[in-house]
Amino acid sequence: MLSCFIAAFILALVYYYSNIQEKNNIKLCMCGDDSDMKIMPQPGQNIPVDDGGDDAAQEYVREKENGNMAKAHSLGKLFASDILDKNGTYLFGLSETESLLMAKHRRILFCFVIDRILDENCPNQLLSQAALNVFYDEIKNTEPEFYDEMNASGAFSLYLIAVRSETPSVNIGKAFAELCQVEDNEPIQQMAEHLYDYFVSHCMNILNDTCFSK
């Protein structure tokens, strides 16, 4: 009887997240072979369920009962509220000489950093995806135009290539300047380089303060 209940729970869980995936879809397309292709961020992406379905169900129940799932949801909402705040962290150090295009790409860069921090530093993929689902759903529901702009900008593709390089911050700065149509402007490149480092530090501090249960 217990095995039947767990199997039904897994099917329901997969069905639920599959439906969400159809509604929310930011795709990251990269050139190269299949190993370089990735979809991210993708709110509502299916939570991985391997052949050990019982283990996956038990992990979900464990993370929910110990409070980690609620913490992941709160973390996603906290980051989303910062992105949606008209005076949010993405405006840190904003100069009067920066254009509206730069302000928009500051915001997109901040989204990218949040995505990477959650994806790579939460205790496990289940909690990472739970936080990301809430993060992107909040943005899409509140500011669908910005969500679509972020999707269409291609910024995540450039930034992912940059962070895979030997000098991530430097190449993030160059990618930012390119997106802002001032690719030869070294002061803008350097500003974006420092801004990226600040975003990473800021997000890691918030994540570390979350104190997930072990």
C-alpha atoms as a PDB file:
ATOM      1  CA  MET A   1       0.000   0.000   0.000  1.00  0.00           C
ATOM      2  CA  LEU A   2       2.836   2.422   0.891  1.00  0.00           C
ATOM      3  CA  SER A   3       4.618   1.737  -2.410  1.00  0.00           C
ATOM      4  CA  CYS A   4       1.417   2.473  -4.327  1.00  0.00           C
ATOM      5  CA  PHE A   5       0.976   5.748  -2.466  1.00  0.00           C
ATOM      6  CA  ILE A   6       4.568   6.805  -3.179  1.00  0.00           C
ATOM      7  CA  ALA A   7       4.241   5.908  -6.865  1.00  0.00           C
ATOM      8  CA  ALA A   8       1.048   7.936  -7.143  1.00  0.00           C
ATOM      9  CA  PHE A   9       2.728  10.843  -5.362  1.00  0.00           C
ATOM     10  CA  ILE A  10       5.669  10.801  -7.800  1.00  0.00           C
ATOM     11  CA  LEU A  11       3.354  10.753 -10.826  1.00  0.00           C
ATOM     12  CA  ALA A  12       1.360  13.660  -9.446  1.00  0.00           C
ATOM     13  CA  LEU A  13       4.533  15.602  -8.705  1.00  0.00           C
ATOM     14  CA  VAL A  14       5.932  15.071 -12.204  1.00  0.00           C
ATOM     15  CA  TYR A  15       2.588  15.987 -13.786  1.00  0.00           C
ATOM     16  CA  TYR A  16       2.392  19.185 -11.736  1.00  0.00           C
ATOM     17  CA  TYR A  17       5.867  20.398 -12.604  1.00  0.00           C
ATOM     18  CA  SER A  18       5.455  19.386 -16.255  1.00  0.00           C
ATOM     19  CA  ASN A  19       2.431  21.664 -16.481  1.00  0.00           C
ATOM     20  CA  ILE A  20       4.372  24.519 -14.941  1.00  0.00           C
ATOM     21  CA  GLN A  21       7.216  23.953 -17.386  1.00  0.00           C
ATOM     22  CA  GLU A  22       4.905  24.480 -20.335  1.00  0.00           C
ATOM     23  CA  LYS A  23       3.837  27.862 -18.992  1.00  0.00           C
ATOM     24  CA  ASN A  24       7.271  29.217 -18.080  1.00  0.00           C
ATOM     25  CA  ASN A  25      10.157  28.908 -20.468  1.00  0.00           C
ATOM     26  CA  ILE A  26      13.315  30.982 -20.676  1.00  0.00           C
ATOM     27  CA  LYS A  27      15.740  29.120 -22.917  1.00  0.00           C
ATOM     28  CA  LEU A  28      19.462  29.559 -23.050  1.00  0.00           C
ATOM     29  CA  CYS A  29      20.824  28.611 -26.472  1.00  0.00           C
ATOM     30  CA  MET A  30      24.534  28.188 -27.063  1.00  0.00           C
ATOM     31  CA  CYS A  31      26.603  27.371 -30.086  1.00  0.00           C
ATOM     32  CA  GLY A  32      28.598  24.187 -30.257  1.00  0.00           C
ATOM     33  CA  ASP A  33      27.839  20.539 -29.730  1.00  0.00           C
ATOM     34  CA  ASP A  34      25.062  19.150 -27.599  1.00  0.00           C
ATOM     35  CA  SER A  35      27.220  19.293 -24.473  1.00  0.00           C
ATOM     36  CA  ASP A  36      27.159  23.115 -24.632  1.00  0.00           C
ATOM     37  CA  MET A  37      23.401  23.401 -24.846  1.00  0.00           C
ATOM     38  CA  LYS A  38      21.480  24.216 -21.712  1.00  0.00           C
ATOM     39  CA  ILE A  39      18.064  25.501 -20.759  1.00  0.00           C
ATOM     40  CA  MET A  40      18.204  28.030 -17.943  1.00  0.00           C
ATOM     41  CA  PRO A  41      16.526  29.525 -16.170  1.00  0.00           C
ATOM     42  CA  GLN A  42      13.341  27.555 -16.694  1.00  0.00           C
ATOM     43  CA  PRO A  43      10.778  28.231 -13.998  1.00  0.00           C
ATOM     44  CA  GLY A  44       8.744  25.181 -13.207  1.00  0.00           C
ATOM     45  CA  GLN A  45      11.408  22.845 -14.597  1.00  0.00           C
ATOM     46  CA  ASN A  46      10.762  19.229 -13.663  1.00  0.00           C
ATOM     47  CA  ILE A  47      12.410  18.155 -10.442  1.00  0.00           C
ATOM     48  CA  PRO A  48      14.725  15.310 -11.455  1.00  0.00           C
ATOM     49  CA  VAL A  49      13.295  11.912 -10.574  1.00  0.00           C
ATOM     50  CA  ASP A  50      15.591   8.978 -11.250  1.00  0.00           C
ATOM     51  CA  ASP A  51      14.824   5.285 -11.229  1.00  0.00           C
ATOM     52  CA  GLY A  52      14.831   5.360  -7.445  1.00  0.00           C
ATOM     53  CA  GLY A  53      11.423   7.007  -7.259  1.00  0.00           C
ATOM     54  CA  ASP A  54      11.016   6.095  -3.615  1.00  0.00           C
ATOM     55  CA  ASP A  55      14.229   7.964  -2.775  1.00  0.00           C
ATOM     56  CA  ALA A  56      13.058  11.074  -4.631  1.00  0.00           C
ATOM     57  CA  ALA A  57       9.728  11.057  -2.827  1.00  0.00           C
ATOM     58  CA  GLN A  58      11.424  10.578   0.517  1.00  0.00           C
ATOM     59  CA  GLU A  59      13.814  13.457  -0.206  1.00  0.00           C
ATOM     60  CA  TYR A  60      10.900  15.751  -1.030  1.00  0.00           C
ATOM     61  CA  VAL A  61       9.041  14.786   2.139  1.00  0.00           C
ATOM     62  CA  ARG A  62      12.202  15.180   4.228  1.00  0.00           C
ATOM     63  CA  GLU A  63      12.981  18.659   2.859  1.00  0.00           C
ATOM     64  CA  LYS A  64       9.391  19.737   3.392  1.00  0.00           C
ATOM     65  CA  GLU A  65       9.196  18.435   6.948  1.00  0.00           C
ATOM     66  CA  ASN A  66      12.523  19.906   8.067  1.00  0.00           C
ATOM     67  CA  GLY A  67      11.501  23.343   6.775  1.00  0.00           C
ATOM     68  CA  ASN A  68      13.997  23.556   3.907  1.00  0.00           C
ATOM     69  CA  MET A  69      11.317  23.694   1.222  1.00  0.00           C
ATOM     70  CA  ALA A  70       9.671  26.690   2.912  1.00  0.00           C
ATOM     71  CA  LYS A  71      13.086  28.352   3.218  1.00  0.00           C
ATOM     72  CA  ALA A  72      13.754  27.793  -0.494  1.00  0.00           C
ATOM     73  CA  HIS A  73      10.417  29.370  -1.395  1.00  0.00           C
ATOM     74  CA  SER A  74      11.131  32.344   0.882  1.00  0.00           C
ATOM     75  CA  LEU A  75      14.568  32.742  -0.676  1.00  0.00           C
ATOM     76  CA  GLY A  76      13.072  32.847  -4.164  1.00  0.00           C
ATOM     77  CA  LYS A  77      10.541  35.465  -3.072  1.00  0.00           C
ATOM     78  CA  LEU A  78      13.222  37.543  -1.354  1.00  0.00           C
ATOM     79  CA  PHE A  79      15.398  37.682  -4.461  1.00  0.00           C
ATOM     80  CA  ALA A  80      12.387  38.380  -6.688  1.00  0.00           C
ATOM     81  CA  SER A  81      11.295  41.274  -4.465  1.00  0.00           C
ATOM     82  CA  ASP A  82      14.758  42.812  -4.874  1.00  0.00           C
ATOM     83  CA  ILE A  83      14.560  42.488  -8.660  1.00  0.00           C
ATOM     84  CA  LEU A  84      11.048  43.993  -8.671  1.00  0.00           C
ATOM     85  CA  ASP A  85      12.015  46.867  -6.361  1.00  0.00           C
ATOM     86  CA  LYS A  86      12.454  50.044  -8.399  1.00  0.00           C
ATOM     87  CA  ASN A  87      15.301  50.949  -6.038  1.00  0.00           C
ATOM     88  CA  GLY A  88      16.692  47.421  -5.843  1.00  0.00           C
ATOM     89  CA  THR A  89      20.240  46.172  -5.423  1.00  0.00           C
ATOM     90  CA  TYR A  90      20.790  46.175  -9.187  1.00  0.00           C
ATOM     91  CA  LEU A  91      21.038  49.993  -9.035  1.00  0.00           C
ATOM     92  CA  PHE A  92      24.037  49.861  -6.678  1.00  0.00           C
ATOM     93  CA  GLY A  93      26.495  52.593  -7.669  1.00  0.00           C
ATOM     94  CA  LEU A  94      24.313  53.791 -10.557  1.00  0.00           C
ATOM     95  CA  SER A  95      25.774  56.819 -12.301  1.00  0.00           C
ATOM     96  CA  GLU A  96      23.677  59.640 -13.738  1.00  0.00           C
ATOM     97  CA  THR A  97      25.502  59.122 -17.018  1.00  0.00           C
ATOM     98  CA  GLU A  98      24.202  55.559 -17.437  1.00  0.00           C
ATOM     99  CA  SER A  99      21.443  55.066 -19.968  1.00  0.00           C
ATOM    100  CA  LEU A 100      18.090  53.358 -19.435  1.00  0.00           C
ATOM    101  CA  LEU A 101      19.463  50.448 -21.468  1.00  0.00           C
ATOM    102  CA  MET A 102      22.276  50.047 -18.971  1.00  0.00           C
ATOM    103  CA  ALA A 103      19.846  50.153 -16.064  1.00  0.00           C
ATOM    104  CA  LYS A 104      17.836  47.369 -17.695  1.00  0.00           C
ATOM    105  CA  HIS A 105      20.936  45.253 -18.234  1.00  0.00           C
ATOM    106  CA  ARG A 106      22.060  45.819 -14.649  1.00  0.00           C
ATOM    107  CA  ARG A 107      18.791  44.185 -13.666  1.00  0.00           C
ATOM    108  CA  ILE A 108      19.242  41.291 -16.074  1.00  0.00           C
ATOM    109  CA  LEU A 109      22.816  40.751 -14.850  1.00  0.00           C
ATOM    110  CA  PHE A 110      21.511  40.636 -11.280  1.00  0.00           C
ATOM    111  CA  CYS A 111      18.948  38.014 -12.340  1.00  0.00           C
ATOM    112  CA  PHE A 112      21.718  35.958 -13.891  1.00  0.00           C
ATOM    113  CA  VAL A 113      23.802  36.080 -10.725  1.00  0.00           C
ATOM    114  CA  ILE A 114      20.807  35.096  -8.588  1.00  0.00           C
ATOM    115  CA  ASP A 115      20.094  32.190 -10.922  1.00  0.00           C
ATOM    116  CA  ARG A 116      23.664  30.903 -10.753  1.00  0.00           C
ATOM    117  CA  ILE A 117      23.934  31.317  -6.982  1.00  0.00           C
ATOM    118  CA  LEU A 118      20.706  29.402  -6.380  1.00  0.00           C
ATOM    119  CA  ASP A 119      21.509  26.718  -8.923  1.00  0.00           C
ATOM    120  CA  GLU A 120      25.041  26.080  -7.722  1.00  0.00           C
ATOM    121  CA  ASN A 121      24.938  26.716  -3.971  1.00  0.00           C
ATOM    122  CA  CYS A 122      21.652  25.462  -2.538  1.00  0.00           C
ATOM    123  CA  PRO A 123      22.081  22.196  -0.601  1.00  0.00           C
ATOM    124  CA  ASN A 124      20.598  20.108  -3.428  1.00  0.00           C
ATOM    125  CA  GLN A 125      18.898  20.393  -6.793  1.00  0.00           C
ATOM    126  CA  LEU A 126      15.442  19.946  -5.322  1.00  0.00           C
ATOM    127  CA  LEU A 127      15.822  23.094  -3.218  1.00  0.00           C
ATOM    128  CA  SER A 128      17.576  24.989  -6.013  1.00  0.00           C
ATOM    129  CA  GLN A 129      14.707  24.381  -8.394  1.00  0.00           C
ATOM    130  CA  ALA A 130      12.096  25.177  -5.766  1.00  0.00           C
ATOM    131  CA  ALA A 131      13.720  28.573  -5.140  1.00  0.00           C
ATOM    132  CA  LEU A 132      14.151  29.275  -8.852  1.00  0.00           C
ATOM    133  CA  ASN A 133      10.535  28.354  -9.609  1.00  0.00           C
ATOM    134  CA  VAL A 134       9.275  30.910  -7.108  1.00  0.00           C
ATOM    135  CA  PHE A 135      11.826  33.515  -8.226  1.00  0.00           C
ATOM    136  CA  TYR A 136      10.858  33.409 -11.902  1.00  0.00           C
ATOM    137  CA  ASP A 137       7.138  32.947 -11.294  1.00  0.00           C
ATOM    138  CA  GLU A 138       7.108  36.084  -9.132  1.00  0.00           C
ATOM    139  CA  ILE A 139       8.879  38.094 -11.844  1.00  0.00           C
ATOM    140  CA  LYS A 140       6.732  36.749 -14.668  1.00  0.00           C
ATOM    141  CA  ASN A 141       3.479  37.345 -12.813  1.00  0.00           C
ATOM    142  CA  THR A 142       4.422  40.847 -11.648  1.00  0.00           C
ATOM    143  CA  GLU A 143       6.410  42.211 -14.592  1.00  0.00           C
ATOM    144  CA  PRO A 144       5.765  40.012 -17.644  1.00  0.00           C
ATOM    145  CA  GLU A 145       7.290  42.601 -19.999  1.00  0.00           C
ATOM    146  CA  PHE A 146      10.627  42.549 -18.196  1.00  0.00           C
ATOM    147  CA  TYR A 147      10.477  38.757 -18.019  1.00  0.00           C
ATOM    148  CA  ASP A 148      10.022  38.608 -21.794  1.00  0.00           C
ATOM    149  CA  GLU A 149      12.783  41.170 -22.378  1.00  0.00           C
ATOM    150  CA  MET A 150      15.162  39.126 -20.270  1.00  0.00           C
ATOM    151  CA  ASN A 151      14.216  36.037 -22.256  1.00  0.00           C
ATOM    152  CA  ALA A 152      14.744  37.729 -25.595  1.00  0.00           C
ATOM    153  CA  SER A 153      17.951  39.604 -24.742  1.00  0.00           C
ATOM    154  CA  GLY A 154      20.333  36.666 -25.104  1.00  0.00           C
ATOM    155  CA  ALA A 155      22.215  38.007 -22.078  1.00  0.00           C
ATOM    156  CA  PHE A 156      22.214  34.721 -20.180  1.00  0.00           C
ATOM    157  CA  SER A 157      23.993  32.992 -23.076  1.00  0.00           C
ATOM    158  CA  LEU A 158      26.781  35.573 -23.128  1.00  0.00           C
ATOM    159  CA  TYR A 159      27.122  35.615 -19.355  1.00  0.00           C
ATOM    160  CA  LEU A 160      27.300  31.841 -19.090  1.00  0.00           C
ATOM    161  CA  ILE A 161      30.130  31.771 -21.621  1.00  0.00           C
ATOM    162  CA  ALA A 162      31.849  34.511 -19.613  1.00  0.00           C
ATOM    163  CA  VAL A 163      31.655  32.724 -16.261  1.00  0.00           C
ATOM    164  CA  ARG A 164      33.096  29.577 -17.829  1.00  0.00           C
ATOM    165  CA  SER A 165      36.212  31.498 -18.878  1.00  0.00           C
ATOM    166  CA  GLU A 166      39.462  31.920 -16.961  1.00  0.00           C
ATOM    167  CA  THR A 167      38.572  35.526 -16.090  1.00  0.00           C
ATOM    168  CA  PRO A 168      34.802  35.503 -15.402  1.00  0.00           C
ATOM    169  CA  SER A 169      34.466  39.040 -14.036  1.00  0.00           C
ATOM    170  CA  VAL A 170      36.446  40.613 -16.865  1.00  0.00           C
ATOM    171  CA  ASN A 171      34.448  38.803 -19.530  1.00  0.00           C
ATOM    172  CA  ILE A 172      31.168  39.586 -17.782  1.00  0.00           C
ATOM    173  CA  GLY A 173      32.140  43.252 -18.066  1.00  0.00           C
ATOM    174  CA  LYS A 174      32.821  42.899 -21.778  1.00  0.00           C
ATOM    175  CA  ALA A 175      29.541  41.055 -22.354  1.00  0.00           C
ATOM    176  CA  PHE A 176      27.636  43.726 -20.424  1.00  0.00           C
ATOM    177  CA  ALA A 177      29.168  46.521 -22.511  1.00  0.00           C
ATOM    178  CA  GLU A 178      28.331  44.623 -25.690  1.00  0.00           C
ATOM    179  CA  LEU A 179      24.699  44.205 -24.615  1.00  0.00           C
ATOM    180  CA  CYS A 180      24.550  47.937 -23.847  1.00  0.00           C
ATOM    181  CA  GLN A 181      25.936  48.691 -27.325  1.00  0.00           C
ATOM    182  CA  VAL A 182      29.116  50.296 -25.971  1.00  0.00           C
ATOM    183  CA  GLU A 183      31.452  47.339 -26.405  1.00  0.00           C
ATOM    184  CA  ASP A 184      34.580  49.514 -26.717  1.00  0.00           C
ATOM    185  CA  ASN A 185      33.870  51.545 -23.585  1.00  0.00           C
ATOM    186  CA  GLU A 186      36.402  50.325 -21.016  1.00  0.00           C
ATOM    187  CA  PRO A 187      34.973  52.319 -18.065  1.00  0.00           C
ATOM    188  CA  ILE A 188      31.602  50.619 -18.615  1.00  0.00           C
ATOM    189  CA  GLN A 189      33.307  47.222 -18.843  1.00  0.00           C
ATOM    190  CA  GLN A 190      35.127  47.855 -15.559  1.00  0.00           C
ATOM    191  CA  MET A 191      31.956  49.113 -13.884  1.00  0.00           C
ATOM    192  CA  ALA A 192      30.088  45.954 -14.887  1.00  0.00           C
ATOM    193  CA  GLU A 193      33.012  43.802 -13.769  1.00  0.00           C
ATOM    194  CA  HIS A 194      32.886  45.276 -10.253  1.00  0.00           C
ATOM    195  CA  LEU A 195      29.102  45.209 -10.254  1.00  0.00           C
ATOM    196  CA  TYR A 196      29.138  41.484 -11.008  1.00  0.00           C
ATOM    197  CA  ASP A 197      31.538  40.808  -8.142  1.00  0.00           C
ATOM    198  CA  TYR A 198      29.328  42.831  -5.806  1.00  0.00           C
ATOM    199  CA  PHE A 199      26.202  40.937  -6.891  1.00  0.00           C
ATOM    200  CA  VAL A 200      27.900  37.582  -6.277  1.00  0.00           C
ATOM    201  CA  SER A 201      29.027  38.617  -2.790  1.00  0.00           C
ATOM    202  CA  HIS A 202      25.611  40.076  -1.960  1.00  0.00           C
ATOM    203  CA  CYS A 203      23.709  36.967  -3.082  1.00  0.00           C
ATOM    204  CA  MET A 204      26.066  34.569  -1.327  1.00  0.00           C
ATOM    205  CA  ASN A 205      25.624  36.476   1.935  1.00  0.00           C
ATOM    206  CA  ILE A 206      21.840  36.151   1.651  1.00  0.00           C
ATOM    207  CA  LEU A 207      22.064  32.467   0.799  1.00  0.00           C
ATOM    208  CA  ASN A 208      24.405  31.773   3.716  1.00  0.00           C
ATOM    209  CA  ASP A 209      22.042  33.582   6.087  1.00  0.00           C
ATOM    210  CA  THR A 210      19.215  31.251   5.070  1.00  0.00           C
ATOM    211  CA  CYS A 211      20.659  28.448   7.207  1.00  0.00           C
ATOM    212  CA  PHE A 212      19.147  25.387   5.547  1.00  0.00           C
ATOM    213  CA  SER A 213      18.758  22.385   7.817  1.00  0.00           C
ATOM    214  CA  LYS A 214      21.152  19.498   7.217  1.00  0.00           C
END
